[in-house]
C-alpha atoms as a PDB file:
ATOM      1  CA  MET A   1     147.566 158.634  99.593  1.00  0.00           C
ATOM      2  CA  ASN A   2     144.951 160.737 101.316  1.00  0.00           C
ATOM      3  CA  PRO A   3     141.468 159.673 100.106  1.00  0.00           C
ATOM      4  CA  ARG A   4     140.376 163.303  99.826  1.00  0.00           C
ATOM      5  CA  LYS A   5     143.384 164.202  97.635  1.00  0.00           C
ATOM      6  CA  MET A   6     142.768 161.082  95.552  1.00  0.00           C
ATOM      7  CA  LYS A   7     139.160 162.146  94.955  1.00  0.00           C
ATOM      8  CA  GLN A   8     140.276 165.684  93.966  1.00  0.00           C
ATOM      9  CA  MET A   9     142.845 164.266  91.552  1.00  0.00           C
ATOM     10  CA  MET A  10     140.255 161.947  90.025  1.00  0.00           C
ATOM     11  CA  ASN A  11     137.821 164.836  89.569  1.00  0.00           C
ATOM     12  CA  LYS A  12     140.544 166.846  87.787  1.00  0.00           C
ATOM     13  CA  LEU A  13     141.065 163.938  85.412  1.00  0.00           C
ATOM     14  CA  GLY A  14     137.333 163.592  84.824  1.00  0.00           C
ATOM     15  CA  MET A  15     137.168 160.281  86.642  1.00  0.00           C
ATOM     16  CA  SER A  16     134.441 159.061  88.938  1.00  0.00           C
ATOM     17  CA  MET A  17     134.044 155.827  90.881  1.00  0.00           C
ATOM     18  CA  ASP A  18     130.562 154.860  91.999  1.00  0.00           C
ATOM     19  CA  PRO A  19     129.772 151.604  93.812  1.00  0.00           C
ATOM     20  CA  ILE A  20     126.734 149.770  92.513  1.00  0.00           C
ATOM     21  CA  GLU A  21     124.596 149.171  95.584  1.00  0.00           C
ATOM     22  CA  GLY A  22     122.543 146.070  96.285  1.00  0.00           C
ATOM     23  CA  VAL A  23     124.503 143.634  94.097  1.00  0.00           C
ATOM     24  CA  THR A  24     123.821 140.104  95.320  1.00  0.00           C
ATOM     25  CA  ARG A  25     125.258 138.022  92.487  1.00  0.00           C
ATOM     26  CA  VAL A  26     127.277 138.445  89.299  1.00  0.00           C
ATOM     27  CA  THR A  27     127.573 135.751  86.630  1.00  0.00           C
ATOM     28  CA  ILE A  28     129.941 135.655  83.680  1.00  0.00           C
ATOM     29  CA  GLU A  29     129.089 133.139  81.006  1.00  0.00           C
ATOM     30  CA  ALA A  30     131.996 131.688  79.057  1.00  0.00           C
ATOM     31  CA  ALA A  31     132.121 129.030  76.365  1.00  0.00           C
ATOM     32  CA  ASP A  32     133.269 126.368  78.822  1.00  0.00           C
ATOM     33  CA  GLY A  33     131.087 127.322  81.785  1.00  0.00           C
ATOM     34  CA  THR A  34     129.938 130.061  84.143  1.00  0.00           C
ATOM     35  CA  TYR A  35     131.807 132.097  86.743  1.00  0.00           C
ATOM     36  CA  ILE A  36     129.528 132.965  89.652  1.00  0.00           C
ATOM     37  CA  PHE A  37     130.381 135.668  92.189  1.00  0.00           C
ATOM     38  CA  GLU A  38     128.134 135.618  95.276  1.00  0.00           C
ATOM     39  CA  ASP A  39     128.123 138.792  97.431  1.00  0.00           C
ATOM     40  CA  ALA A  40     130.277 140.587  94.860  1.00  0.00           C
ATOM     41  CA  GLU A  41     131.207 144.246  95.026  1.00  0.00           C
ATOM     42  CA  VAL A  42     130.960 146.170  91.775  1.00  0.00           C
ATOM     43  CA  VAL A  43     132.280 149.671  91.148  1.00  0.00           C
ATOM     44  CA  ALA A  44     131.510 151.655  87.982  1.00  0.00           C
ATOM     45  CA  MET A  45     134.503 153.772  86.943  1.00  0.00           C
ATOM     46  CA  THR A  46     133.889 156.525  84.402  1.00  0.00           C
ATOM     47  CA  MET A  47     136.748 158.315  82.686  1.00  0.00           C
ATOM     48  CA  GLN A  48     136.436 160.535  79.633  1.00  0.00           C
ATOM     49  CA  GLY A  49     132.932 159.243  78.940  1.00  0.00           C
ATOM     50  CA  GLN A  50     133.984 155.576  79.028  1.00  0.00           C
ATOM     51  CA  THR A  51     132.578 153.377  81.828  1.00  0.00           C
ATOM     52  CA  THR A  52     134.339 150.248  83.041  1.00  0.00           C
ATOM     53  CA  TYR A  53     133.312 147.968  85.869  1.00  0.00           C
ATOM     54  CA  GLN A  54     135.533 146.593  88.604  1.00  0.00           C
ATOM     55  CA  LEU A  55     134.364 143.338  90.160  1.00  0.00           C
ATOM     56  CA  THR A  56     135.634 142.121  93.528  1.00  0.00           C
ATOM     57  CA  GLY A  57     134.742 138.786  95.070  1.00  0.00           C
ATOM     58  CA  THR A  58     135.508 135.099  95.061  1.00  0.00           C
ATOM     59  CA  PRO A  59     134.196 133.220  92.041  1.00  0.00           C
ATOM     60  CA  ARG A  60     133.152 129.630  91.745  1.00  0.00           C
ATOM     61  CA  PHE A  61     133.179 127.956  88.358  1.00  0.00           C
ATOM     62  CA  GLU A  62     130.483 125.678  87.016  1.00  0.00           C
ATOM     63  CA  ALA A  63     131.322 123.791  83.851  1.00  0.00           C
ATOM     64  CA  ALA A  64     129.009 124.098  80.862  1.00  0.00           C
ATOM     65  CA  GLY A  65     125.974 121.857  81.148  1.00  0.00           C
ATOM     66  CA  VAL A  66     126.049 121.728  84.956  1.00  0.00           C
ATOM     67  CA  ILE A  67     123.769 124.687  85.680  1.00  0.00           C
ATOM     68  CA  ASP A  68     120.074 123.912  85.338  1.00  0.00           C
ATOM     69  CA  SER A  69     120.822 120.813  83.326  1.00  0.00           C
ATOM     70  CA  ALA A  70     118.156 118.185  82.983  1.00  0.00           C
ATOM     71  CA  PRO A  71     119.192 114.547  82.664  1.00  0.00           C
ATOM     72  CA  VAL A  72     119.775 113.661  79.035  1.00  0.00           C
ATOM     73  CA  GLU A  73     117.971 110.601  77.765  1.00  0.00           C
ATOM     74  CA  ILE A  74     120.414 108.461  75.815  1.00  0.00           C
ATOM     75  CA  GLU A  75     119.196 106.254  73.017  1.00  0.00           C
ATOM     76  CA  ILE A  76     120.584 102.743  72.957  1.00  0.00           C
ATOM     77  CA  THR A  77     119.400 100.671  70.028  1.00  0.00           C
ATOM     78  CA  ASP A  78     119.220  96.889  69.786  1.00  0.00           C
ATOM     79  CA  ASP A  79     121.871  97.097  67.048  1.00  0.00           C
ATOM     80  CA  ASP A  80     124.239  98.907  69.436  1.00  0.00           C
ATOM     81  CA  ILE A  81     123.631  96.260  72.106  1.00  0.00           C
ATOM     82  CA  SER A  82     124.242  93.431  69.639  1.00  0.00           C
ATOM     83  CA  LEU A  83     127.421  95.025  68.322  1.00  0.00           C
ATOM     84  CA  VAL A  84     128.871  95.504  71.811  1.00  0.00           C
ATOM     85  CA  ALA A  85     127.797  92.004  72.915  1.00  0.00           C
ATOM     86  CA  ILE A  86     129.453  90.383  69.883  1.00  0.00           C
ATOM     87  CA  GLN A  87     132.641  92.477  69.979  1.00  0.00           C
ATOM     88  CA  ALA A  88     133.137  92.061  73.760  1.00  0.00           C
ATOM     89  CA  ASN A  89     131.855  88.471  73.816  1.00  0.00           C
ATOM     90  CA  VAL A  90     129.296  89.183  76.562  1.00  0.00           C
ATOM     91  CA  SER A  91     125.550  88.785  77.015  1.00  0.00           C
ATOM     92  CA  PRO A  92     123.184  91.439  75.621  1.00  0.00           C
ATOM     93  CA  ASP A  93     122.232  92.443  79.188  1.00  0.00           C
ATOM     94  CA  THR A  94     125.892  93.048  80.083  1.00  0.00           C
ATOM     95  CA  ALA A  95     126.404  94.963  76.842  1.00  0.00           C
ATOM     96  CA  LYS A  96     123.355  97.137  77.530  1.00  0.00           C
ATOM     97  CA  ALA A  97     124.568  97.902  81.075  1.00  0.00           C
ATOM     98  CA  ALA A  98     127.964  98.925  79.714  1.00  0.00           C
ATOM     99  CA  LEU A  99     126.335 101.171  77.109  1.00  0.00           C
ATOM    100  CA  ILE A 100     124.216 102.851  79.781  1.00  0.00           C
ATOM    101  CA  GLU A 101     127.280 103.353  81.971  1.00  0.00           C
ATOM    102  CA  THR A 102     129.230 104.907  79.074  1.00  0.00           C
ATOM    103  CA  ASN A 103     126.318 107.114  77.943  1.00  0.00           C
ATOM    104  CA  GLY A 104     125.882 105.148  74.734  1.00  0.00           C
ATOM    105  CA  ASP A 105     129.544 105.297  73.666  1.00  0.00           C
ATOM    106  CA  ILE A 106     129.967 102.018  71.757  1.00  0.00           C
ATOM    107  CA  ALA A 107     133.767 102.057  71.594  1.00  0.00           C
ATOM    108  CA  GLU A 108     134.116 102.858  75.294  1.00  0.00           C
ATOM    109  CA  ALA A 109     131.625 100.115  76.213  1.00  0.00           C
ATOM    110  CA  ILE A 110     133.555  97.537  74.163  1.00  0.00           C
ATOM    111  CA  MET A 111     136.857  98.624  75.695  1.00  0.00           C
ATOM    112  CA  LYS A 112     135.345  98.512  79.176  1.00  0.00           C
ATOM    113  CA  LEU A 113     134.115  94.967  78.644  1.00  0.00           C
ATOM    114  CA  GLY A 114     137.213  93.818  76.761  1.00  0.00           C
ATOM    115  CA  GLY A 115     138.901  92.616  79.936  1.00  0.00           C
ATOM    116  CA  GLN A 116     136.075  90.214  80.815  1.00  0.00           C
END
């Protein structure tokens, strides 16, 4: 369709499409992470007083906790170390290393060491 005719038809319907200039980045935050559009193109479409936005670009997804996340300090108690050492029949040092590797997950540490 001819762009000029398209614009005339849109005006008759009360529609307008206006690009938003200077957009460098668009982020959409979801419960499980963030969609990031670099160099996105955004167009505001207005029809009958209602504005919607059209986003064009290639997103990348970053899972929740990845963006600006600081390392989390895990707390491993002597009781946790003793429990893992006894259950897996290993030394306390080995039990502590397994707990660190599994982010303090006692059950996972025991299962990991179970084969030794």
